[in-house]
Amino acid sequence: MIGSGGTNYILENLKMKYVYDYMFHLLNEYAKLLTFQPTIPRGAIEVCSESMACSVEGLQKSFMVESMVNSPSNTPPCAMPSPYKPETLKEILQEKENLTQQVKTKGVTNILV
């Protein structure tokens, strides 16, 4: 029961499209940190998904075709929910602003006493 539930979850939610989207965004962010200009080496051969999938058959080919992605997603790979409810976050930010104003007007020593 638990094993089949886990398998179903993986099959439905861990699709290669999501993995490729994550890799695409990760590599793009990493590329912004590079300090050198990459070049294509002499003798390099371009490999495309069609040329890779044409030479295989059976289950391997079906997995390759299923995992093929034609273009990256326009959305980030994942969106983390906020750890705070909007009202709580507003209260925290307001308290921070109040403390900042107190430090500016009264000085640090008066607030700590």
PDB file of N, CA and C in Angstrom:
ATOM      1  N   MET A   1       0.826  -1.191   0.000  1.00  0.00           N
ATOM      2  CA  MET A   1       0.000   0.000   0.000  1.00  0.00           C
ATOM      3  C   MET A   1       0.872   1.258   0.000  1.00  0.00           C
ATOM      4  N   ILE A   2       1.815   1.350   0.935  1.00  0.00           N
ATOM      5  CA  ILE A   2       2.677   2.532   1.008  1.00  0.00           C
ATOM      6  C   ILE A   2       3.578   2.591  -0.215  1.00  0.00           C
ATOM      7  N   GLY A   3       4.105   1.433  -0.624  1.00  0.00           N
ATOM      8  CA  GLY A   3       4.984   1.384  -1.796  1.00  0.00           C
ATOM      9  C   GLY A   3       4.278   1.831  -3.057  1.00  0.00           C
ATOM     10  N   SER A   4       3.053   1.374  -3.241  1.00  0.00           N
ATOM     11  CA  SER A   4       2.316   1.767  -4.453  1.00  0.00           C
ATOM     12  C   SER A   4       1.935   3.242  -4.399  1.00  0.00           C
ATOM     13  N   GLY A   5       1.652   3.750  -3.195  1.00  0.00           N
ATOM     14  CA  GLY A   5       1.363   5.176  -3.052  1.00  0.00           C
ATOM     15  C   GLY A   5       2.571   6.021  -3.411  1.00  0.00           C
ATOM     16  N   GLY A   6       3.755   5.594  -2.946  1.00  0.00           N
ATOM     17  CA  GLY A   6       4.990   6.303  -3.281  1.00  0.00           C
ATOM     18  C   GLY A   6       5.280   6.247  -4.765  1.00  0.00           C
ATOM     19  N   THR A   7       5.073   5.077  -5.351  1.00  0.00           N
ATOM     20  CA  THR A   7       5.292   4.924  -6.793  1.00  0.00           C
ATOM     21  C   THR A   7       4.358   5.833  -7.574  1.00  0.00           C
ATOM     22  N   ASN A   8       3.088   5.857  -7.196  1.00  0.00           N
ATOM     23  CA  ASN A   8       2.126   6.722  -7.895  1.00  0.00           C
ATOM     24  C   ASN A   8       2.498   8.190  -7.754  1.00  0.00           C
ATOM     25  N   TYR A   9       2.945   8.576  -6.573  1.00  0.00           N
ATOM     26  CA  TYR A   9       3.347   9.971  -6.352  1.00  0.00           C
ATOM     27  C   TYR A   9       4.512  10.335  -7.280  1.00  0.00           C
ATOM     28  N   ILE A  10       5.520   9.464  -7.349  1.00  0.00           N
ATOM     29  CA  ILE A  10       6.686   9.717  -8.201  1.00  0.00           C
ATOM     30  C   ILE A  10       6.259   9.806  -9.661  1.00  0.00           C
ATOM     31  N   LEU A  11       5.422   8.877 -10.106  1.00  0.00           N
ATOM     32  CA  LEU A  11       4.998   8.867 -11.513  1.00  0.00           C
ATOM     33  C   LEU A  11       4.202  10.115 -11.883  1.00  0.00           C
ATOM     34  N   GLU A  12       3.427  10.641 -10.929  1.00  0.00           N
ATOM     35  CA  GLU A  12       2.600  11.804 -11.217  1.00  0.00           C
ATOM     36  C   GLU A  12       3.335  13.130 -11.025  1.00  0.00           C
ATOM     37  N   ASN A  13       4.230  13.199 -10.039  1.00  0.00           N
ATOM     38  CA  ASN A  13       4.821  14.483  -9.670  1.00  0.00           C
ATOM     39  C   ASN A  13       6.287  14.670 -10.030  1.00  0.00           C
ATOM     40  N   LEU A  14       7.003  13.585 -10.289  1.00  0.00           N
ATOM     41  CA  LEU A  14       8.419  13.717 -10.612  1.00  0.00           C
ATOM     42  C   LEU A  14       8.627  13.390 -12.080  1.00  0.00           C
ATOM     43  N   LYS A  15       8.119  14.232 -12.913  1.00  0.00           N
ATOM     44  CA  LYS A  15       8.240  14.046 -14.349  1.00  0.00           C
ATOM     45  C   LYS A  15       9.557  14.662 -14.816  1.00  0.00           C
ATOM     46  N   MET A  16      10.093  14.117 -15.883  1.00  0.00           N
ATOM     47  CA  MET A  16      11.366  14.624 -16.390  1.00  0.00           C
ATOM     48  C   MET A  16      11.262  16.094 -16.780  1.00  0.00           C
ATOM     49  N   LYS A  17      10.096  16.551 -17.189  1.00  0.00           N
ATOM     50  CA  LYS A  17       9.929  17.964 -17.533  1.00  0.00           C
ATOM     51  C   LYS A  17      10.294  18.843 -16.342  1.00  0.00           C
ATOM     52  N   TYR A  18       9.858  18.442 -15.141  1.00  0.00           N
ATOM     53  CA  TYR A  18      10.165  19.221 -13.945  1.00  0.00           C
ATOM     54  C   TYR A  18      11.657  19.176 -13.626  1.00  0.00           C
ATOM     55  N   VAL A  19      12.252  18.005 -13.814  1.00  0.00           N
ATOM     56  CA  VAL A  19      13.692  17.870 -13.573  1.00  0.00           C
ATOM     57  C   VAL A  19      14.457  18.747 -14.553  1.00  0.00           C
ATOM     58  N   TYR A  20      14.080  18.708 -15.831  1.00  0.00           N
ATOM     59  CA  TYR A  20      14.749  19.524 -16.841  1.00  0.00           C
ATOM     60  C   TYR A  20      14.554  21.014 -16.567  1.00  0.00           C
ATOM     61  N   ASP A  21      13.368  21.398 -16.149  1.00  0.00           N
ATOM     62  CA  ASP A  21      13.127  22.810 -15.814  1.00  0.00           C
ATOM     63  C   ASP A  21      14.044  23.251 -14.677  1.00  0.00           C
ATOM     64  N   TYR A  22      14.153  22.403 -13.654  1.00  0.00           N
ATOM     65  CA  TYR A  22      15.026  22.726 -12.526  1.00  0.00           C
ATOM     66  C   TYR A  22      16.471  22.850 -12.994  1.00  0.00           C
ATOM     67  N   MET A  23      16.930  21.887 -13.789  1.00  0.00           N
ATOM     68  CA  MET A  23      18.308  21.925 -14.288  1.00  0.00           C
ATOM     69  C   MET A  23      18.540  23.158 -15.148  1.00  0.00           C
ATOM     70  N   PHE A  24      17.581  23.496 -15.998  1.00  0.00           N
ATOM     71  CA  PHE A  24      17.703  24.667 -16.871  1.00  0.00           C
ATOM     72  C   PHE A  24      17.861  25.939 -16.042  1.00  0.00           C
ATOM     73  N   HIS A  25      17.003  26.129 -15.066  1.00  0.00           N
ATOM     74  CA  HIS A  25      17.082  27.333 -14.230  1.00  0.00           C
ATOM     75  C   HIS A  25      18.347  27.333 -13.379  1.00  0.00           C
ATOM     76  N   LEU A  26      18.728  26.182 -12.857  1.00  0.00           N
ATOM     77  CA  LEU A  26      19.941  26.082 -12.048  1.00  0.00           C
ATOM     78  C   LEU A  26      21.172  26.445 -12.876  1.00  0.00           C
ATOM     79  N   LEU A  27      21.277  25.882 -14.072  1.00  0.00           N
ATOM     80  CA  LEU A  27      22.436  26.172 -14.923  1.00  0.00           C
ATOM     81  C   LEU A  27      22.447  27.617 -15.392  1.00  0.00           C
ATOM     82  N   ASN A  28      21.285  28.194 -15.639  1.00  0.00           N
ATOM     83  CA  ASN A  28      21.241  29.613 -16.031  1.00  0.00           C
ATOM     84  C   ASN A  28      21.720  30.510 -14.902  1.00  0.00           C
ATOM     85  N   GLU A  29      21.314  30.201 -13.671  1.00  0.00           N
ATOM     86  CA  GLU A  29      21.778  31.001 -12.532  1.00  0.00           C
ATOM     87  C   GLU A  29      23.276  30.808 -12.318  1.00  0.00           C
ATOM     88  N   TYR A  30      23.748  29.585 -12.480  1.00  0.00           N
ATOM     89  CA  TYR A  30      25.176  29.305 -12.334  1.00  0.00           C
ATOM     90  C   TYR A  30      25.976  30.035 -13.416  1.00  0.00           C
ATOM     91  N   ALA A  31      25.446  30.069 -14.635  1.00  0.00           N
ATOM     92  CA  ALA A  31      26.143  30.725 -15.742  1.00  0.00           C
ATOM     93  C   ALA A  31      26.371  32.213 -15.461  1.00  0.00           C
ATOM     94  N   LYS A  32      25.498  32.829 -14.682  1.00  0.00           N
ATOM     95  CA  LYS A  32      25.672  34.243 -14.340  1.00  0.00           C
ATOM     96  C   LYS A  32      26.908  34.462 -13.473  1.00  0.00           C
ATOM     97  N   LEU A  33      27.373  33.406 -12.801  1.00  0.00           N
ATOM     98  CA  LEU A  33      28.540  33.512 -11.929  1.00  0.00           C
ATOM     99  C   LEU A  33      29.860  33.265 -12.663  1.00  0.00           C
ATOM    100  N   LEU A  34      29.786  32.755 -13.884  1.00  0.00           N
ATOM    101  CA  LEU A  34      31.009  32.433 -14.625  1.00  0.00           C
ATOM    102  C   LEU A  34      31.800  33.693 -14.956  1.00  0.00           C
ATOM    103  N   THR A  35      33.116  33.584 -14.858  1.00  0.00           N
ATOM    104  CA  THR A  35      33.979  34.727 -15.163  1.00  0.00           C
ATOM    105  C   THR A  35      34.753  34.522 -16.456  1.00  0.00           C
ATOM    106  N   PHE A  36      34.534  33.428 -17.148  1.00  0.00           N
ATOM    107  CA  PHE A  36      35.207  33.190 -18.420  1.00  0.00           C
ATOM    108  C   PHE A  36      34.174  32.983 -19.512  1.00  0.00           C
ATOM    109  N   GLN A  37      34.616  33.123 -20.750  1.00  0.00           N
ATOM    110  CA  GLN A  37      33.727  32.930 -21.897  1.00  0.00           C
ATOM    111  C   GLN A  37      33.925  31.507 -22.419  1.00  0.00           C
ATOM    112  N   PRO A  38      32.928  30.630 -22.274  1.00  0.00           N
ATOM    113  CA  PRO A  38      33.092  29.264 -22.768  1.00  0.00           C
ATOM    114  C   PRO A  38      33.130  29.236 -24.297  1.00  0.00           C
ATOM    115  N   THR A  39      33.889  28.294 -24.840  1.00  0.00           N
ATOM    116  CA  THR A  39      33.985  28.135 -26.288  1.00  0.00           C
ATOM    117  C   THR A  39      33.726  26.676 -26.645  1.00  0.00           C
ATOM    118  N   ILE A  40      33.299  26.454 -27.863  1.00  0.00           N
ATOM    119  CA  ILE A  40      33.053  25.099 -28.355  1.00  0.00           C
ATOM    120  C   ILE A  40      34.387  24.534 -28.840  1.00  0.00           C
ATOM    121  N   PRO A  41      34.811  23.390 -28.316  1.00  0.00           N
ATOM    122  CA  PRO A  41      36.095  22.826 -28.745  1.00  0.00           C
ATOM    123  C   PRO A  41      36.056  22.352 -30.192  1.00  0.00           C
ATOM    124  N   ARG A  42      37.237  22.368 -30.843  1.00  0.00           N
ATOM    125  CA  ARG A  42      37.327  21.858 -32.219  1.00  0.00           C
ATOM    126  C   ARG A  42      36.990  20.374 -32.230  1.00  0.00           C
ATOM    127  N   GLY A  43      36.277  19.951 -33.235  1.00  0.00           N
ATOM    128  CA  GLY A  43      35.920  18.548 -33.367  1.00  0.00           C
ATOM    129  C   GLY A  43      34.674  18.150 -32.579  1.00  0.00           C
ATOM    130  N   ALA A  44      34.052  19.111 -31.898  1.00  0.00           N
ATOM    131  CA  ALA A  44      32.837  18.804 -31.137  1.00  0.00           C
ATOM    132  C   ALA A  44      31.701  18.473 -32.089  1.00  0.00           C
ATOM    133  N   ILE A  45      30.878  17.542 -31.698  1.00  0.00           N
ATOM    134  CA  ILE A  45      29.736  17.136 -32.516  1.00  0.00           C
ATOM    135  C   ILE A  45      28.468  17.463 -31.753  1.00  0.00           C
ATOM    136  N   GLU A  46      27.540  18.156 -32.408  1.00  0.00           N
ATOM    137  CA  GLU A  46      26.271  18.487 -31.762  1.00  0.00           C
ATOM    138  C   GLU A  46      25.406  17.237 -31.678  1.00  0.00           C
ATOM    139  N   VAL A  47      24.869  16.998 -30.522  1.00  0.00           N
ATOM    140  CA  VAL A  47      23.989  15.854 -30.303  1.00  0.00           C
ATOM    141  C   VAL A  47      22.601  16.397 -29.987  1.00  0.00           C
ATOM    142  N   CYS A  48      21.602  15.931 -30.710  1.00  0.00           N
ATOM    143  CA  CYS A  48      20.235  16.373 -30.442  1.00  0.00           C
ATOM    144  C   CYS A  48      19.405  15.180 -29.979  1.00  0.00           C
ATOM    145  N   SER A  49      18.287  15.462 -29.405  1.00  0.00           N
ATOM    146  CA  SER A  49      17.453  14.396 -28.840  1.00  0.00           C
ATOM    147  C   SER A  49      16.995  13.406 -29.905  1.00  0.00           C
ATOM    148  N   GLU A  50      16.734  13.887 -31.105  1.00  0.00           N
ATOM    149  CA  GLU A  50      16.269  12.986 -32.160  1.00  0.00           C
ATOM    150  C   GLU A  50      17.347  11.977 -32.539  1.00  0.00           C
ATOM    151  N   SER A  51      18.601  12.433 -32.649  1.00  0.00           N
ATOM    152  CA  SER A  51      19.671  11.506 -33.033  1.00  0.00           C
ATOM    153  C   SER A  51      19.945  10.494 -31.930  1.00  0.00           C
ATOM    154  N   MET A  52      19.725  10.862 -30.687  1.00  0.00           N
ATOM    155  CA  MET A  52      19.938   9.921 -29.586  1.00  0.00           C
ATOM    156  C   MET A  52      18.818   8.888 -29.531  1.00  0.00           C
ATOM    157  N   ALA A  53      17.591   9.316 -29.750  1.00  0.00           N
ATOM    158  CA  ALA A  53      16.446   8.411 -29.611  1.00  0.00           C
ATOM    159  C   ALA A  53      16.284   7.492 -30.816  1.00  0.00           C
ATOM    160  N   CYS A  54      16.793   7.876 -31.971  1.00  0.00           N
ATOM    161  CA  CYS A  54      16.599   7.056 -33.169  1.00  0.00           C
ATOM    162  C   CYS A  54      17.375   5.738 -33.120  1.00  0.00           C
ATOM    163  N   SER A  55      18.489   5.708 -32.400  1.00  0.00           N
ATOM    164  CA  SER A  55      19.334   4.512 -32.406  1.00  0.00           C
ATOM    165  C   SER A  55      18.917   3.464 -31.376  1.00  0.00           C
ATOM    166  N   VAL A  56      17.941   3.759 -30.543  1.00  0.00           N
ATOM    167  CA  VAL A  56      17.521   2.791 -29.518  1.00  0.00           C
ATOM    168  C   VAL A  56      16.106   2.301 -29.795  1.00  0.00           C
ATOM    169  N   GLU A  57      15.769   1.197 -29.162  1.00  0.00           N
ATOM    170  CA  GLU A  57      14.444   0.600 -29.364  1.00  0.00           C
ATOM    171  C   GLU A  57      13.833   0.204 -28.033  1.00  0.00           C
ATOM    172  N   GLY A  58      12.572  -0.135 -28.061  1.00  0.00           N
ATOM    173  CA  GLY A  58      11.877  -0.706 -26.921  1.00  0.00           C
ATOM    174  C   GLY A  58      11.665   0.260 -25.770  1.00  0.00           C
ATOM    175  N   LEU A  59      11.836  -0.275 -24.560  1.00  0.00           N
ATOM    176  CA  LEU A  59      11.569   0.470 -23.338  1.00  0.00           C
ATOM    177  C   LEU A  59      12.488   1.694 -23.214  1.00  0.00           C
ATOM    178  N   GLN A  60      13.739   1.516 -23.599  1.00  0.00           N
ATOM    179  CA  GLN A  60      14.684   2.636 -23.524  1.00  0.00           C
ATOM    180  C   GLN A  60      14.219   3.787 -24.417  1.00  0.00           C
ATOM    181  N   LYS A  61      13.743   3.473 -25.610  1.00  0.00           N
ATOM    182  CA  LYS A  61      13.258   4.516 -26.520  1.00  0.00           C
ATOM    183  C   LYS A  61      12.010   5.183 -25.957  1.00  0.00           C
ATOM    184  N   SER A  62      11.100   4.390 -25.377  1.00  0.00           N
ATOM    185  CA  SER A  62       9.869   4.991 -24.845  1.00  0.00           C
ATOM    186  C   SER A  62      10.186   5.935 -23.690  1.00  0.00           C
ATOM    187  N   PHE A  63      11.179   5.589 -22.842  1.00  0.00           N
ATOM    188  CA  PHE A  63      11.579   6.488 -21.758  1.00  0.00           C
ATOM    189  C   PHE A  63      12.203   7.765 -22.317  1.00  0.00           C
ATOM    190  N   MET A  64      13.014   7.625 -23.355  1.00  0.00           N
ATOM    191  CA  MET A  64      13.640   8.815 -23.959  1.00  0.00           C
ATOM    192  C   MET A  64      12.586   9.740 -24.566  1.00  0.00           C
ATOM    193  N   VAL A  65      11.642   9.160 -25.274  1.00  0.00           N
ATOM    194  CA  VAL A  65      10.595   9.970 -25.905  1.00  0.00           C
ATOM    195  C   VAL A  65       9.721  10.629 -24.842  1.00  0.00           C
ATOM    196  N   GLU A  66       9.398   9.881 -23.793  1.00  0.00           N
ATOM    197  CA  GLU A  66       8.557  10.430 -22.716  1.00  0.00           C
ATOM    198  C   GLU A  66       9.252  11.576 -21.985  1.00  0.00           C
ATOM    199  N   SER A  67      10.564  11.478 -21.841  1.00  0.00           N
ATOM    200  CA  SER A  67      11.292  12.501 -21.081  1.00  0.00           C
ATOM    201  C   SER A  67      11.748  13.673 -21.943  1.00  0.00           C
ATOM    202  N   MET A  68      11.491  13.623 -23.233  1.00  0.00           N
ATOM    203  CA  MET A  68      11.908  14.703 -24.118  1.00  0.00           C
ATOM    204  C   MET A  68      11.118  15.985 -23.825  1.00  0.00           C
ATOM    205  N   VAL A  69      11.845  17.086 -23.709  1.00  0.00           N
ATOM    206  CA  VAL A  69      11.232  18.385 -23.463  1.00  0.00           C
ATOM    207  C   VAL A  69      11.627  19.301 -24.609  1.00  0.00           C
ATOM    208  N   ASN A  70      10.636  19.946 -25.223  1.00  0.00           N
ATOM    209  CA  ASN A  70      10.913  20.780 -26.384  1.00  0.00           C
ATOM    210  C   ASN A  70      11.386  22.180 -26.029  1.00  0.00           C
ATOM    211  N   SER A  71      10.971  22.682 -24.886  1.00  0.00           N
ATOM    212  CA  SER A  71      11.394  24.026 -24.486  1.00  0.00           C
ATOM    213  C   SER A  71      11.304  24.141 -22.968  1.00  0.00           C
ATOM    214  N   PRO A  72      12.101  25.028 -22.388  1.00  0.00           N
ATOM    215  CA  PRO A  72      12.039  25.191 -20.931  1.00  0.00           C
ATOM    216  C   PRO A  72      10.760  25.905 -20.512  1.00  0.00           C
ATOM    217  N   SER A  73      10.419  25.718 -19.271  1.00  0.00           N
ATOM    218  CA  SER A  73       9.241  26.367 -18.710  1.00  0.00           C
ATOM    219  C   SER A  73       9.519  27.847 -18.484  1.00  0.00           C
ATOM    220  N   ASN A  74       8.501  28.659 -18.544  1.00  0.00           N
ATOM    221  CA  ASN A  74       8.646  30.093 -18.272  1.00  0.00           C
ATOM    222  C   ASN A  74       8.571  30.396 -16.782  1.00  0.00           C
ATOM    223  N   THR A  75       8.198  29.417 -15.991  1.00  0.00           N
ATOM    224  CA  THR A  75       8.063  29.622 -14.549  1.00  0.00           C
ATOM    225  C   THR A  75       9.274  29.057 -13.820  1.00  0.00           C
ATOM    226  N   PRO A  76       9.580  29.585 -12.650  1.00  0.00           N
ATOM    227  CA  PRO A  76      10.685  29.027 -11.864  1.00  0.00           C
ATOM    228  C   PRO A  76      10.419  27.563 -11.524  1.00  0.00           C
ATOM    229  N   PRO A  77      11.469  26.794 -11.191  1.00  0.00           N
ATOM    230  CA  PRO A  77      11.274  25.372 -10.942  1.00  0.00           C
ATOM    231  C   PRO A  77      10.408  25.059  -9.733  1.00  0.00           C
ATOM    232  N   CYS A  78      10.398  25.940  -8.740  1.00  0.00           N
ATOM    233  CA  CYS A  78       9.534  25.684  -7.595  1.00  0.00           C
ATOM    234  C   CYS A  78       9.213  27.011  -6.903  1.00  0.00           C
ATOM    235  N   ALA A  79       8.127  27.036  -6.211  1.00  0.00           N
ATOM    236  CA  ALA A  79       7.734  28.233  -5.465  1.00  0.00           C
ATOM    237  C   ALA A  79       7.505  27.815  -4.018  1.00  0.00           C
ATOM    238  N   MET A  80       8.279  28.398  -3.128  1.00  0.00           N
ATOM    239  CA  MET A  80       8.153  28.064  -1.716  1.00  0.00           C
ATOM    240  C   MET A  80       7.061  28.931  -1.082  1.00  0.00           C
ATOM    241  N   PRO A  81       6.175  28.314  -0.325  1.00  0.00           N
ATOM    242  CA  PRO A  81       5.159  29.117   0.359  1.00  0.00           C
ATOM    243  C   PRO A  81       5.804  29.946   1.464  1.00  0.00           C
ATOM    244  N   SER A  82       5.234  31.076   1.746  1.00  0.00           N
ATOM    245  CA  SER A  82       5.746  31.942   2.799  1.00  0.00           C
ATOM    246  C   SER A  82       5.596  31.245   4.146  1.00  0.00           C
ATOM    247  N   PRO A  83       6.614  31.369   5.033  1.00  0.00           N
ATOM    248  CA  PRO A  83       6.496  30.725   6.334  1.00  0.00           C
ATOM    249  C   PRO A  83       5.516  31.444   7.262  1.00  0.00           C
ATOM    250  N   TYR A  84       5.069  32.634   6.867  1.00  0.00           N
ATOM    251  CA  TYR A  84       4.156  33.421   7.698  1.00  0.00           C
ATOM    252  C   TYR A  84       2.842  33.653   6.971  1.00  0.00           C
ATOM    253  N   LYS A  85       1.799  33.809   7.744  1.00  0.00           N
ATOM    254  CA  LYS A  85       0.537  34.271   7.181  1.00  0.00           C
ATOM    255  C   LYS A  85       0.702  35.760   6.904  1.00  0.00           C
ATOM    256  N   PRO A  86      -0.024  36.314   5.944  1.00  0.00           N
ATOM    257  CA  PRO A  86       0.142  37.739   5.615  1.00  0.00           C
ATOM    258  C   PRO A  86      -0.013  38.668   6.812  1.00  0.00           C
ATOM    259  N   GLU A  87      -0.980  38.366   7.706  1.00  0.00           N
ATOM    260  CA  GLU A  87      -1.191  39.227   8.871  1.00  0.00           C
ATOM    261  C   GLU A  87       0.013  39.182   9.811  1.00  0.00           C
ATOM    262  N   THR A  88       0.560  37.986  10.030  1.00  0.00           N
ATOM    263  CA  THR A  88       1.712  37.830  10.916  1.00  0.00           C
ATOM    264  C   THR A  88       2.923  38.542  10.343  1.00  0.00           C
ATOM    265  N   LEU A  89       3.143  38.391   9.056  1.00  0.00           N
ATOM    266  CA  LEU A  89       4.271  39.058   8.415  1.00  0.00           C
ATOM    267  C   LEU A  89       4.135  40.574   8.517  1.00  0.00           C
ATOM    268  N   LYS A  90       2.922  41.073   8.339  1.00  0.00           N
ATOM    269  CA  LYS A  90       2.685  42.518   8.453  1.00  0.00           C
ATOM    270  C   LYS A  90       3.010  43.007   9.870  1.00  0.00           C
ATOM    271  N   GLU A  91       2.614  42.232  10.886  1.00  0.00           N
ATOM    272  CA  GLU A  91       2.914  42.600  12.275  1.00  0.00           C
ATOM    273  C   GLU A  91       4.422  42.617  12.537  1.00  0.00           C
ATOM    274  N   ILE A  92       5.119  41.622  12.036  1.00  0.00           N
ATOM    275  CA  ILE A  92       6.576  41.550  12.225  1.00  0.00           C
ATOM    276  C   ILE A  92       7.262  42.736  11.569  1.00  0.00           C
ATOM    277  N   LEU A  93       6.866  43.038  10.341  1.00  0.00           N
ATOM    278  CA  LEU A  93       7.468  44.175   9.635  1.00  0.00           C
ATOM    279  C   LEU A  93       7.143  45.502  10.323  1.00  0.00           C
ATOM    280  N   GLN A  94       5.931  45.620  10.851  1.00  0.00           N
ATOM    281  CA  GLN A  94       5.546  46.844  11.567  1.00  0.00           C
ATOM    282  C   GLN A  94       6.368  47.002  12.838  1.00  0.00           C
ATOM    283  N   GLU A  95       6.558  45.896  13.573  1.00  0.00           N
ATOM    284  CA  GLU A  95       7.367  45.942  14.799  1.00  0.00           C
ATOM    285  C   GLU A  95       8.810  46.317  14.471  1.00  0.00           C
ATOM    286  N   LYS A  96       9.323  45.766  13.400  1.00  0.00           N
ATOM    287  CA  LYS A  96      10.691  46.097  12.984  1.00  0.00           C
ATOM    288  C   LYS A  96      10.793  47.581  12.649  1.00  0.00           C
ATOM    289  N   GLU A  97       9.812  48.102  11.943  1.00  0.00           N
ATOM    290  CA  GLU A  97       9.799  49.525  11.593  1.00  0.00           C
ATOM    291  C   GLU A  97       9.726  50.395  12.846  1.00  0.00           C
ATOM    292  N   ASN A  98       8.882  49.998  13.807  1.00  0.00           N
ATOM    293  CA  ASN A  98       8.771  50.753  15.066  1.00  0.00           C
ATOM    294  C   ASN A  98      10.102  50.789  15.813  1.00  0.00           C
ATOM    295  N   LEU A  99      10.767  49.636  15.906  1.00  0.00           N
ATOM    296  CA  LEU A  99      12.060  49.578  16.587  1.00  0.00           C
ATOM    297  C   LEU A  99      13.110  50.426  15.868  1.00  0.00           C
ATOM    298  N   THR A 100      13.088  50.393  14.563  1.00  0.00           N
ATOM    299  CA  THR A 100      14.029  51.202  13.788  1.00  0.00           C
ATOM    300  C   THR A 100      13.795  52.684  14.057  1.00  0.00           C
ATOM    301  N   GLN A 101      12.534  53.089  14.093  1.00  0.00           N
ATOM    302  CA  GLN A 101      12.205  54.495  14.376  1.00  0.00           C
ATOM    303  C   GLN A 101      12.660  54.879  15.784  1.00  0.00           C
ATOM    304  N   GLN A 102      12.468  53.982  16.768  1.00  0.00           N
ATOM    305  CA  GLN A 102      12.899  54.272  18.135  1.00  0.00           C
ATOM    306  C   GLN A 102      14.411  54.462  18.204  1.00  0.00           C
ATOM    307  N   VAL A 103      15.153  53.627  17.501  1.00  0.00           N
ATOM    308  CA  VAL A 103      16.612  53.748  17.501  1.00  0.00           C
ATOM    309  C   VAL A 103      17.022  55.075  16.880  1.00  0.00           C
ATOM    310  N   LYS A 104      16.345  55.477  15.825  1.00  0.00           N
ATOM    311  CA  LYS A 104      16.685  56.742  15.156  1.00  0.00           C
ATOM    312  C   LYS A 104      16.379  57.949  16.044  1.00  0.00           C
ATOM    313  N   THR A 105      15.267  57.882  16.774  1.00  0.00           N
ATOM    314  CA  THR A 105      14.850  59.057  17.551  1.00  0.00           C
ATOM    315  C   THR A 105      15.435  59.090  18.960  1.00  0.00           C
ATOM    316  N   LYS A 106      15.539  57.961  19.630  1.00  0.00           N
ATOM    317  CA  LYS A 106      15.961  57.939  21.030  1.00  0.00           C
ATOM    318  C   LYS A 106      17.404  57.514  21.230  1.00  0.00           C
ATOM    319  N   GLY A 107      17.959  56.790  20.310  1.00  0.00           N
ATOM    320  CA  GLY A 107      19.303  56.258  20.498  1.00  0.00           C
ATOM    321  C   GLY A 107      19.227  54.882  21.103  1.00  0.00           C
ATOM    322  N   VAL A 108      20.242  54.095  20.890  1.00  0.00           N
ATOM    323  CA  VAL A 108      20.256  52.693  21.316  1.00  0.00           C
ATOM    324  C   VAL A 108      20.251  52.578  22.849  1.00  0.00           C
ATOM    325  N   THR A 109      20.976  53.398  23.573  1.00  0.00           N
ATOM    326  CA  THR A 109      21.095  53.244  25.029  1.00  0.00           C
ATOM    327  C   THR A 109      19.755  53.460  25.733  1.00  0.00           C
ATOM    328  N   ASN A 110      18.919  54.394  25.253  1.00  0.00           N
ATOM    329  CA  ASN A 110      17.629  54.634  25.891  1.00  0.00           C
ATOM    330  C   ASN A 110      16.660  53.464  25.701  1.00  0.00           C
ATOM    331  N   ILE A 111      16.751  52.766  24.585  1.00  0.00           N
ATOM    332  CA  ILE A 111      15.826  51.663  24.315  1.00  0.00           C
ATOM    333  C   ILE A 111      16.185  50.440  25.156  1.00  0.00           C
ATOM    334  N   LEU A 112      17.480  50.197  25.337  1.00  0.00           N
ATOM    335  CA  LEU A 112      17.919  49.006  26.060  1.00  0.00           C
ATOM    336  C   LEU A 112      17.661  49.102  27.553  1.00  0.00           C
ATOM    337  N   VAL A 113      17.487  50.290  28.108  1.00  0.00           N
ATOM    338  CA  VAL A 113      17.304  50.449  29.550  1.00  0.00           C
ATOM    339  C   VAL A 113      15.898  50.125  29.971  1.00  0.00           C
TER     340      VAL A 113
END
